[in-house]
């Protein structure tokens, strides 16, 4: 894994931490808020899977 891979991994970790903190402290009570958090979470998971596949290829 090169420098770019390390940076992407670090950004990914930061995004997950920010997402988790937001979810815990913001605690979306509205259905829209919950839907947004679920969509963002799914997108983060998909993105992490895609980037891991990309780094395995290179």
PDB file of N, CA and C in Angstrom:
ATOM      1  N   UNK A   1       0.849  -1.196   0.000  1.00  0.00           N
ATOM      2  CA  UNK A   1       0.000   0.000   0.000  1.00  0.00           C
ATOM      3  C   UNK A   1       0.892   1.257   0.000  1.00  0.00           C
ATOM      4  N   UNK A   2       0.675   2.111  -0.971  1.00  0.00           N
ATOM      5  CA  UNK A   2       1.485   3.329  -1.079  1.00  0.00           C
ATOM      6  C   UNK A   2       0.928   4.465  -0.222  1.00  0.00           C
ATOM      7  N   UNK A   3       1.528   5.645  -0.379  1.00  0.00           N
ATOM      8  CA  UNK A   3       1.142   6.822   0.424  1.00  0.00           C
ATOM      9  C   UNK A   3      -0.325   7.176   0.210  1.00  0.00           C
ATOM     10  N   UNK A   4      -0.788   7.089  -1.052  1.00  0.00           N
ATOM     11  CA  UNK A   4      -2.173   7.415  -1.396  1.00  0.00           C
ATOM     12  C   UNK A   4      -3.143   6.486  -0.642  1.00  0.00           C
ATOM     13  N   UNK A   5      -2.793   5.217  -0.578  1.00  0.00           N
ATOM     14  CA  UNK A   5      -3.616   4.234   0.119  1.00  0.00           C
ATOM     15  C   UNK A   5      -3.738   4.529   1.604  1.00  0.00           C
ATOM     16  N   UNK A   6      -2.638   4.957   2.198  1.00  0.00           N
ATOM     17  CA  UNK A   6      -2.625   5.296   3.627  1.00  0.00           C
ATOM     18  C   UNK A   6      -3.521   6.499   3.882  1.00  0.00           C
ATOM     19  N   UNK A   7      -3.442   7.517   2.992  1.00  0.00           N
ATOM     20  CA  UNK A   7      -4.261   8.730   3.126  1.00  0.00           C
ATOM     21  C   UNK A   7      -5.738   8.383   3.003  1.00  0.00           C
ATOM     22  N   UNK A   8      -6.093   7.557   2.021  1.00  0.00           N
ATOM     23  CA  UNK A   8      -7.486   7.144   1.820  1.00  0.00           C
ATOM     24  C   UNK A   8      -7.998   6.396   3.050  1.00  0.00           C
ATOM     25  N   UNK A   9      -7.182   5.509   3.598  1.00  0.00           N
ATOM     26  CA  UNK A   9      -7.566   4.753   4.798  1.00  0.00           C
ATOM     27  C   UNK A   9      -7.792   5.679   5.988  1.00  0.00           C
ATOM     28  N   UNK A  10      -6.914   6.673   6.123  1.00  0.00           N
ATOM     29  CA  UNK A  10      -7.036   7.634   7.221  1.00  0.00           C
ATOM     30  C   UNK A  10      -8.321   8.444   7.090  1.00  0.00           C
ATOM     31  N   UNK A  11      -8.615   8.910   5.870  1.00  0.00           N
ATOM     32  CA  UNK A  11      -9.849   9.673   5.615  1.00  0.00           C
ATOM     33  C   UNK A  11     -11.061   8.805   5.927  1.00  0.00           C
ATOM     34  N   UNK A  12     -11.003   7.550   5.493  1.00  0.00           N
ATOM     35  CA  UNK A  12     -12.085   6.598   5.727  1.00  0.00           C
ATOM     36  C   UNK A  12     -12.343   6.421   7.228  1.00  0.00           C
ATOM     37  N   UNK A  13     -11.277   6.249   8.010  1.00  0.00           N
ATOM     38  CA  UNK A  13     -11.399   6.105   9.461  1.00  0.00           C
ATOM     39  C   UNK A  13     -12.017   7.358  10.079  1.00  0.00           C
ATOM     40  N   UNK A  14     -11.562   8.527   9.637  1.00  0.00           N
ATOM     41  CA  UNK A  14     -12.101   9.791  10.133  1.00  0.00           C
ATOM     42  C   UNK A  14     -13.588   9.905   9.835  1.00  0.00           C
ATOM     43  N   UNK A  15     -13.985   9.539   8.609  1.00  0.00           N
ATOM     44  CA  UNK A  15     -15.402   9.596   8.227  1.00  0.00           C
ATOM     45  C   UNK A  15     -16.247   8.694   9.120  1.00  0.00           C
ATOM     46  N   UNK A  16     -15.760   7.483   9.401  1.00  0.00           N
ATOM     47  CA  UNK A  16     -16.491   6.560  10.264  1.00  0.00           C
ATOM     48  C   UNK A  16     -16.618   7.109  11.690  1.00  0.00           C
ATOM     49  N   UNK A  17     -15.544   7.727  12.186  1.00  0.00           N
ATOM     50  CA  UNK A  17     -15.571   8.305  13.536  1.00  0.00           C
ATOM     51  C   UNK A  17     -16.551   9.462  13.594  1.00  0.00           C
ATOM     52  N   UNK A  18     -16.488  10.360  12.593  1.00  0.00           N
ATOM     53  CA  UNK A  18     -17.401  11.514  12.535  1.00  0.00           C
ATOM     54  C   UNK A  18     -18.848  11.026  12.461  1.00  0.00           C
ATOM     55  N   UNK A  19     -19.086  10.028  11.605  1.00  0.00           N
ATOM     56  CA  UNK A  19     -20.426   9.450  11.447  1.00  0.00           C
ATOM     57  C   UNK A  19     -20.940   8.887  12.770  1.00  0.00           C
ATOM     58  N   UNK A  20     -20.099   8.136  13.459  1.00  0.00           N
ATOM     59  CA  UNK A  20     -20.476   7.510  14.729  1.00  0.00           C
ATOM     60  C   UNK A  20     -20.780   8.560  15.788  1.00  0.00           C
ATOM     61  N   UNK A  21     -19.900   9.573  15.892  1.00  0.00           N
ATOM     62  CA  UNK A  21     -20.086  10.654  16.863  1.00  0.00           C
ATOM     63  C   UNK A  21     -21.380  11.417  16.577  1.00  0.00           C
ATOM     64  N   UNK A  22     -21.608  11.733  15.303  1.00  0.00           N
ATOM     65  CA  UNK A  22     -22.845  12.421  14.902  1.00  0.00           C
ATOM     66  C   UNK A  22     -24.060  11.593  15.285  1.00  0.00           C
ATOM     67  N   UNK A  23     -23.996  10.282  14.996  1.00  0.00           N
ATOM     68  CA  UNK A  23     -25.116   9.395  15.270  1.00  0.00           C
ATOM     69  C   UNK A  23     -25.424   9.328  16.767  1.00  0.00           C
ATOM     70  N   UNK A  24     -24.376   9.295  17.577  1.00  0.00           N
ATOM     71  CA  UNK A  24     -24.561   9.191  19.028  1.00  0.00           C
ATOM     72  C   UNK A  24     -25.046  10.510  19.635  1.00  0.00           C
ATOM     73  N   UNK A  25     -24.392  11.622  19.270  1.00  0.00           N
ATOM     74  CA  UNK A  25     -24.689  12.901  19.913  1.00  0.00           C
ATOM     75  C   UNK A  25     -25.842  13.668  19.277  1.00  0.00           C
ATOM     76  N   UNK A  26     -25.937  13.619  17.937  1.00  0.00           N
ATOM     77  CA  UNK A  26     -27.036  14.297  17.256  1.00  0.00           C
ATOM     78  C   UNK A  26     -28.324  13.519  17.487  1.00  0.00           C
ATOM     79  N   UNK A  27     -28.218  12.168  17.488  1.00  0.00           N
ATOM     80  CA  UNK A  27     -29.332  11.264  17.760  1.00  0.00           C
ATOM     81  C   UNK A  27     -30.595  11.671  16.986  1.00  0.00           C
ATOM     82  N   UNK A  28     -30.598  11.439  15.661  1.00  0.00           N
ATOM     83  CA  UNK A  28     -31.727  11.877  14.829  1.00  0.00           C
ATOM     84  C   UNK A  28     -33.045  11.274  15.290  1.00  0.00           C
ATOM     85  N   UNK A  29     -33.936  12.132  15.754  1.00  0.00           N
ATOM     86  CA  UNK A  29     -35.239  11.671  16.232  1.00  0.00           C
ATOM     87  C   UNK A  29     -36.253  11.617  15.095  1.00  0.00           C
ATOM     88  N   UNK A  30     -36.050  12.467  14.074  1.00  0.00           N
ATOM     89  CA  UNK A  30     -36.979  12.478  12.940  1.00  0.00           C
ATOM     90  C   UNK A  30     -36.677  11.316  12.011  1.00  0.00           C
ATOM     91  N   UNK A  31     -37.710  10.896  11.268  1.00  0.00           N
ATOM     92  CA  UNK A  31     -37.534   9.796  10.313  1.00  0.00           C
ATOM     93  C   UNK A  31     -36.581  10.199   9.190  1.00  0.00           C
ATOM     94  N   UNK A  32     -36.628  11.471   8.779  1.00  0.00           N
ATOM     95  CA  UNK A  32     -35.745  11.959   7.716  1.00  0.00           C
ATOM     96  C   UNK A  32     -34.294  11.870   8.184  1.00  0.00           C
ATOM     97  N   UNK A  33     -34.052  12.310   9.420  1.00  0.00           N
ATOM     98  CA  UNK A  33     -32.708  12.245   9.987  1.00  0.00           C
ATOM     99  C   UNK A  33     -32.187  10.826  10.035  1.00  0.00           C
ATOM    100  N   UNK A  34     -33.027   9.888  10.465  1.00  0.00           N
ATOM    101  CA  UNK A  34     -32.637   8.473  10.531  1.00  0.00           C
ATOM    102  C   UNK A  34     -32.344   7.926   9.143  1.00  0.00           C
ATOM    103  N   UNK A  35     -33.196   8.281   8.180  1.00  0.00           N
ATOM    104  CA  UNK A  35     -33.009   7.815   6.794  1.00  0.00           C
ATOM    105  C   UNK A  35     -31.688   8.328   6.228  1.00  0.00           C
ATOM    106  N   UNK A  36     -31.398   9.606   6.475  1.00  0.00           N
ATOM    107  CA  UNK A  36     -30.145  10.200   5.992  1.00  0.00           C
ATOM    108  C   UNK A  36     -28.949   9.476   6.605  1.00  0.00           C
ATOM    109  N   UNK A  37     -28.996   9.223   7.915  1.00  0.00           N
ATOM    110  CA  UNK A  37     -27.889   8.545   8.590  1.00  0.00           C
ATOM    111  C   UNK A  37     -27.690   7.123   8.053  1.00  0.00           C
ATOM    112  N   UNK A  38     -28.802   6.423   7.783  1.00  0.00           N
ATOM    113  CA  UNK A  38     -28.719   5.057   7.246  1.00  0.00           C
ATOM    114  C   UNK A  38     -28.098   5.085   5.849  1.00  0.00           C
ATOM    115  N   UNK A  39     -28.568   6.026   5.001  1.00  0.00           N
ATOM    116  CA  UNK A  39     -28.050   6.144   3.636  1.00  0.00           C
ATOM    117  C   UNK A  39     -26.556   6.458   3.659  1.00  0.00           C
ATOM    118  N   UNK A  40     -26.152   7.414   4.509  1.00  0.00           N
ATOM    119  CA  UNK A  40     -24.730   7.794   4.622  1.00  0.00           C
ATOM    120  C   UNK A  40     -23.904   6.599   5.101  1.00  0.00           C
ATOM    121  N   UNK A  41     -24.419   5.868   6.071  1.00  0.00           N
ATOM    122  CA  UNK A  41     -23.719   4.684   6.584  1.00  0.00           C
ATOM    123  C   UNK A  41     -23.514   3.631   5.518  1.00  0.00           C
ATOM    124  N   UNK A  42     -24.564   3.357   4.737  1.00  0.00           N
ATOM    125  CA  UNK A  42     -24.489   2.373   3.648  1.00  0.00           C
ATOM    126  C   UNK A  42     -23.481   2.825   2.595  1.00  0.00           C
ATOM    127  N   UNK A  43     -23.526   4.122   2.241  1.00  0.00           N
ATOM    128  CA  UNK A  43     -22.579   4.664   1.259  1.00  0.00           C
ATOM    129  C   UNK A  43     -21.138   4.537   1.758  1.00  0.00           C
ATOM    130  N   UNK A  44     -20.906   4.809   3.044  1.00  0.00           N
ATOM    131  CA  UNK A  44     -19.565   4.671   3.626  1.00  0.00           C
ATOM    132  C   UNK A  44     -19.071   3.226   3.532  1.00  0.00           C
ATOM    133  N   UNK A  45     -19.959   2.278   3.839  1.00  0.00           N
ATOM    134  CA  UNK A  45     -19.594   0.856   3.793  1.00  0.00           C
ATOM    135  C   UNK A  45     -19.260   0.445   2.360  1.00  0.00           C
ATOM    136  N   UNK A  46     -20.118   0.845   1.392  1.00  0.00           N
ATOM    137  CA  UNK A  46     -19.893   0.523  -0.022  1.00  0.00           C
ATOM    138  C   UNK A  46     -18.565   1.120  -0.489  1.00  0.00           C
ATOM    139  N   UNK A  47     -18.326   2.394  -0.111  1.00  0.00           N
ATOM    140  CA  UNK A  47     -17.097   3.083  -0.508  1.00  0.00           C
ATOM    141  C   UNK A  47     -15.865   2.373   0.047  1.00  0.00           C
ATOM    142  N   UNK A  48     -15.930   1.939   1.306  1.00  0.00           N
ATOM    143  CA  UNK A  48     -14.788   1.255   1.918  1.00  0.00           C
ATOM    144  C   UNK A  48     -14.518  -0.089   1.233  1.00  0.00           C
ATOM    145  N   UNK A  49     -15.586  -0.805   0.844  1.00  0.00           N
ATOM    146  CA  UNK A  49     -15.427  -2.088   0.143  1.00  0.00           C
ATOM    147  C   UNK A  49     -14.779  -1.846  -1.225  1.00  0.00           C
ATOM    148  N   UNK A  50     -15.272  -0.830  -1.937  1.00  0.00           N
ATOM    149  CA  UNK A  50     -14.733  -0.512  -3.268  1.00  0.00           C
ATOM    150  C   UNK A  50     -13.270  -0.102  -3.195  1.00  0.00           C
ATOM    151  N   UNK A  51     -12.911   0.739  -2.214  1.00  0.00           N
ATOM    152  CA  UNK A  51     -11.517   1.181  -2.103  1.00  0.00           C
ATOM    153  C   UNK A  51     -10.610   0.018  -1.721  1.00  0.00           C
ATOM    154  N   UNK A  52     -11.084  -0.895  -0.876  1.00  0.00           N
ATOM    155  CA  UNK A  52     -10.272  -2.051  -0.490  1.00  0.00           C
ATOM    156  C   UNK A  52     -10.036  -2.961  -1.709  1.00  0.00           C
ATOM    157  N   UNK A  53     -11.063  -3.136  -2.536  1.00  0.00           N
ATOM    158  CA  UNK A  53     -10.910  -3.937  -3.757  1.00  0.00           C
ATOM    159  C   UNK A  53      -9.916  -3.268  -4.702  1.00  0.00           C
ATOM    160  N   UNK A  54     -10.000  -1.947  -4.783  1.00  0.00           N
ATOM    161  CA  UNK A  54      -9.120  -1.176  -5.662  1.00  0.00           C
ATOM    162  C   UNK A  54      -7.664  -1.328  -5.221  1.00  0.00           C
ATOM    163  N   UNK A  55      -7.421  -1.267  -3.898  1.00  0.00           N
ATOM    164  CA  UNK A  55      -6.036  -1.383  -3.406  1.00  0.00           C
ATOM    165  C   UNK A  55      -5.504  -2.800  -3.572  1.00  0.00           C
ATOM    166  N   UNK A  56      -6.388  -3.805  -3.530  1.00  0.00           N
ATOM    167  CA  UNK A  56      -5.935  -5.188  -3.732  1.00  0.00           C
ATOM    168  C   UNK A  56      -5.482  -5.399  -5.185  1.00  0.00           C
ATOM    169  N   UNK A  57      -6.179  -4.753  -6.135  1.00  0.00           N
ATOM    170  CA  UNK A  57      -5.834  -4.880  -7.555  1.00  0.00           C
ATOM    171  C   UNK A  57      -4.472  -4.271  -7.846  1.00  0.00           C
ATOM    172  N   UNK A  58      -4.156  -3.141  -7.234  1.00  0.00           N
ATOM    173  CA  UNK A  58      -2.900  -2.442  -7.531  1.00  0.00           C
ATOM    174  C   UNK A  58      -1.736  -2.945  -6.679  1.00  0.00           C
TER     175      UNK A  58
END
